[in-house]
């Protein structure tokens, strides 16, 4: 079983595109679902954390997976 329900590939996109895509994707989610986001823009380390904080989503994990890819697991309340 996967640790996430949906994926968002924002690799290669620069601010503000990853967060704009995230806004759209979370609307598809139901309560309790987990979204995996992959991005290469370093500003997502700040922007996604703020997104979750302001909108009440749980940032379950945030890590750099290597080769410049940042991975996030976000849970919808």
C-alpha atoms as a PDB file:
ATOM      1  CA  UNK A   1       0.000   0.000   0.000  1.00  0.00           C
ATOM      2  CA  UNK A   2       1.265   3.455  -0.913  1.00  0.00           C
ATOM      3  CA  UNK A   3       1.748   6.158   1.695  1.00  0.00           C
ATOM      4  CA  UNK A   4      -0.123   8.636  -0.530  1.00  0.00           C
ATOM      5  CA  UNK A   5      -3.326   8.754  -2.581  1.00  0.00           C
ATOM      6  CA  UNK A   6      -2.535  11.348  -5.260  1.00  0.00           C
ATOM      7  CA  UNK A   7       0.576  12.777  -6.913  1.00  0.00           C
ATOM      8  CA  UNK A   8       1.518  16.201  -8.223  1.00  0.00           C
ATOM      9  CA  UNK A   9       4.584  16.488 -10.427  1.00  0.00           C
ATOM     10  CA  UNK A  10       5.787  20.104 -10.348  1.00  0.00           C
ATOM     11  CA  UNK A  11       9.359  19.317 -11.361  1.00  0.00           C
ATOM     12  CA  UNK A  12      10.870  21.913 -13.670  1.00  0.00           C
ATOM     13  CA  UNK A  13       8.354  24.597 -12.722  1.00  0.00           C
ATOM     14  CA  UNK A  14       9.272  27.820 -10.970  1.00  0.00           C
ATOM     15  CA  UNK A  15       7.421  29.920  -8.393  1.00  0.00           C
ATOM     16  CA  UNK A  16       4.487  30.521  -8.330  1.00  0.00           C
ATOM     17  CA  UNK A  17       3.465  27.601 -10.581  1.00  0.00           C
ATOM     18  CA  UNK A  18       3.983  24.711  -8.090  1.00  0.00           C
ATOM     19  CA  UNK A  19       1.775  26.350  -5.444  1.00  0.00           C
ATOM     20  CA  UNK A  20      -0.831  27.352  -8.030  1.00  0.00           C
ATOM     21  CA  UNK A  21      -0.986  23.719  -9.163  1.00  0.00           C
ATOM     22  CA  UNK A  22      -1.200  22.624  -5.529  1.00  0.00           C
ATOM     23  CA  UNK A  23      -4.256  24.863  -4.995  1.00  0.00           C
ATOM     24  CA  UNK A  24      -6.004  23.125  -7.901  1.00  0.00           C
ATOM     25  CA  UNK A  25      -4.980  19.602  -6.845  1.00  0.00           C
ATOM     26  CA  UNK A  26      -6.149  19.858  -3.222  1.00  0.00           C
ATOM     27  CA  UNK A  27      -9.657  20.639  -4.489  1.00  0.00           C
ATOM     28  CA  UNK A  28      -9.735  17.099  -5.953  1.00  0.00           C
ATOM     29  CA  UNK A  29      -8.879  15.575  -2.571  1.00  0.00           C
ATOM     30  CA  UNK A  30     -11.262  14.318   0.082  1.00  0.00           C
ATOM     31  CA  UNK A  31     -10.678  14.581   3.829  1.00  0.00           C
ATOM     32  CA  UNK A  32      -7.867  12.324   5.017  1.00  0.00           C
ATOM     33  CA  UNK A  33      -6.250  11.831   1.617  1.00  0.00           C
ATOM     34  CA  UNK A  34      -2.509  12.344   1.232  1.00  0.00           C
ATOM     35  CA  UNK A  35      -0.903  14.103  -1.728  1.00  0.00           C
ATOM     36  CA  UNK A  36       2.700  13.561  -2.786  1.00  0.00           C
ATOM     37  CA  UNK A  37       4.265  16.632  -4.402  1.00  0.00           C
ATOM     38  CA  UNK A  38       7.598  16.557  -6.238  1.00  0.00           C
ATOM     39  CA  UNK A  39       9.229  19.850  -7.178  1.00  0.00           C
ATOM     40  CA  UNK A  40      12.635  21.158  -8.177  1.00  0.00           C
ATOM     41  CA  UNK A  41      12.154  24.826  -7.233  1.00  0.00           C
ATOM     42  CA  UNK A  42      13.911  25.407  -3.865  1.00  0.00           C
ATOM     43  CA  UNK A  43      11.360  28.103  -2.978  1.00  0.00           C
ATOM     44  CA  UNK A  44       8.778  25.329  -2.524  1.00  0.00           C
ATOM     45  CA  UNK A  45      10.480  24.478   0.781  1.00  0.00           C
ATOM     46  CA  UNK A  46       9.144  27.788   2.075  1.00  0.00           C
ATOM     47  CA  UNK A  47       5.998  28.168  -0.036  1.00  0.00           C
ATOM     48  CA  UNK A  48       4.464  24.730   0.553  1.00  0.00           C
ATOM     49  CA  UNK A  49       5.077  24.987   4.294  1.00  0.00           C
ATOM     50  CA  UNK A  50       3.263  28.350   4.325  1.00  0.00           C
ATOM     51  CA  UNK A  51       0.457  26.975   2.130  1.00  0.00           C
ATOM     52  CA  UNK A  52      -0.184  24.167   4.616  1.00  0.00           C
ATOM     53  CA  UNK A  53       0.044  26.451   7.635  1.00  0.00           C
ATOM     54  CA  UNK A  54      -2.352  29.069   6.265  1.00  0.00           C
ATOM     55  CA  UNK A  55      -4.918  26.638   4.881  1.00  0.00           C
ATOM     56  CA  UNK A  56      -4.850  24.002   7.627  1.00  0.00           C
ATOM     57  CA  UNK A  57      -3.295  21.129   5.714  1.00  0.00           C
ATOM     58  CA  UNK A  58      -0.864  18.795   7.480  1.00  0.00           C
ATOM     59  CA  UNK A  59       2.651  18.778   6.057  1.00  0.00           C
ATOM     60  CA  UNK A  60       3.453  15.176   6.968  1.00  0.00           C
ATOM     61  CA  UNK A  61       6.967  15.180   5.509  1.00  0.00           C
ATOM     62  CA  UNK A  62       9.350  17.364   3.579  1.00  0.00           C
ATOM     63  CA  UNK A  63      12.649  16.102   2.208  1.00  0.00           C
ATOM     64  CA  UNK A  64      15.158  16.545  -0.551  1.00  0.00           C
ATOM     65  CA  UNK A  65      15.385  13.215  -2.333  1.00  0.00           C
ATOM     66  CA  UNK A  66      18.593  13.985  -4.189  1.00  0.00           C
ATOM     67  CA  UNK A  67      19.310  15.353  -7.646  1.00  0.00           C
ATOM     68  CA  UNK A  68      17.539  18.575  -6.621  1.00  0.00           C
ATOM     69  CA  UNK A  69      14.072  17.079  -6.141  1.00  0.00           C
ATOM     70  CA  UNK A  70      12.016  18.126  -3.137  1.00  0.00           C
ATOM     71  CA  UNK A  71       9.270  15.761  -1.991  1.00  0.00           C
ATOM     72  CA  UNK A  72       6.318  16.645   0.219  1.00  0.00           C
ATOM     73  CA  UNK A  73       3.481  14.610   1.695  1.00  0.00           C
ATOM     74  CA  UNK A  74       0.423  16.747   2.448  1.00  0.00           C
ATOM     75  CA  UNK A  75      -2.704  15.523   4.203  1.00  0.00           C
ATOM     76  CA  UNK A  76      -6.100  17.148   3.740  1.00  0.00           C
ATOM     77  CA  UNK A  77      -7.955  17.687   7.018  1.00  0.00           C
END
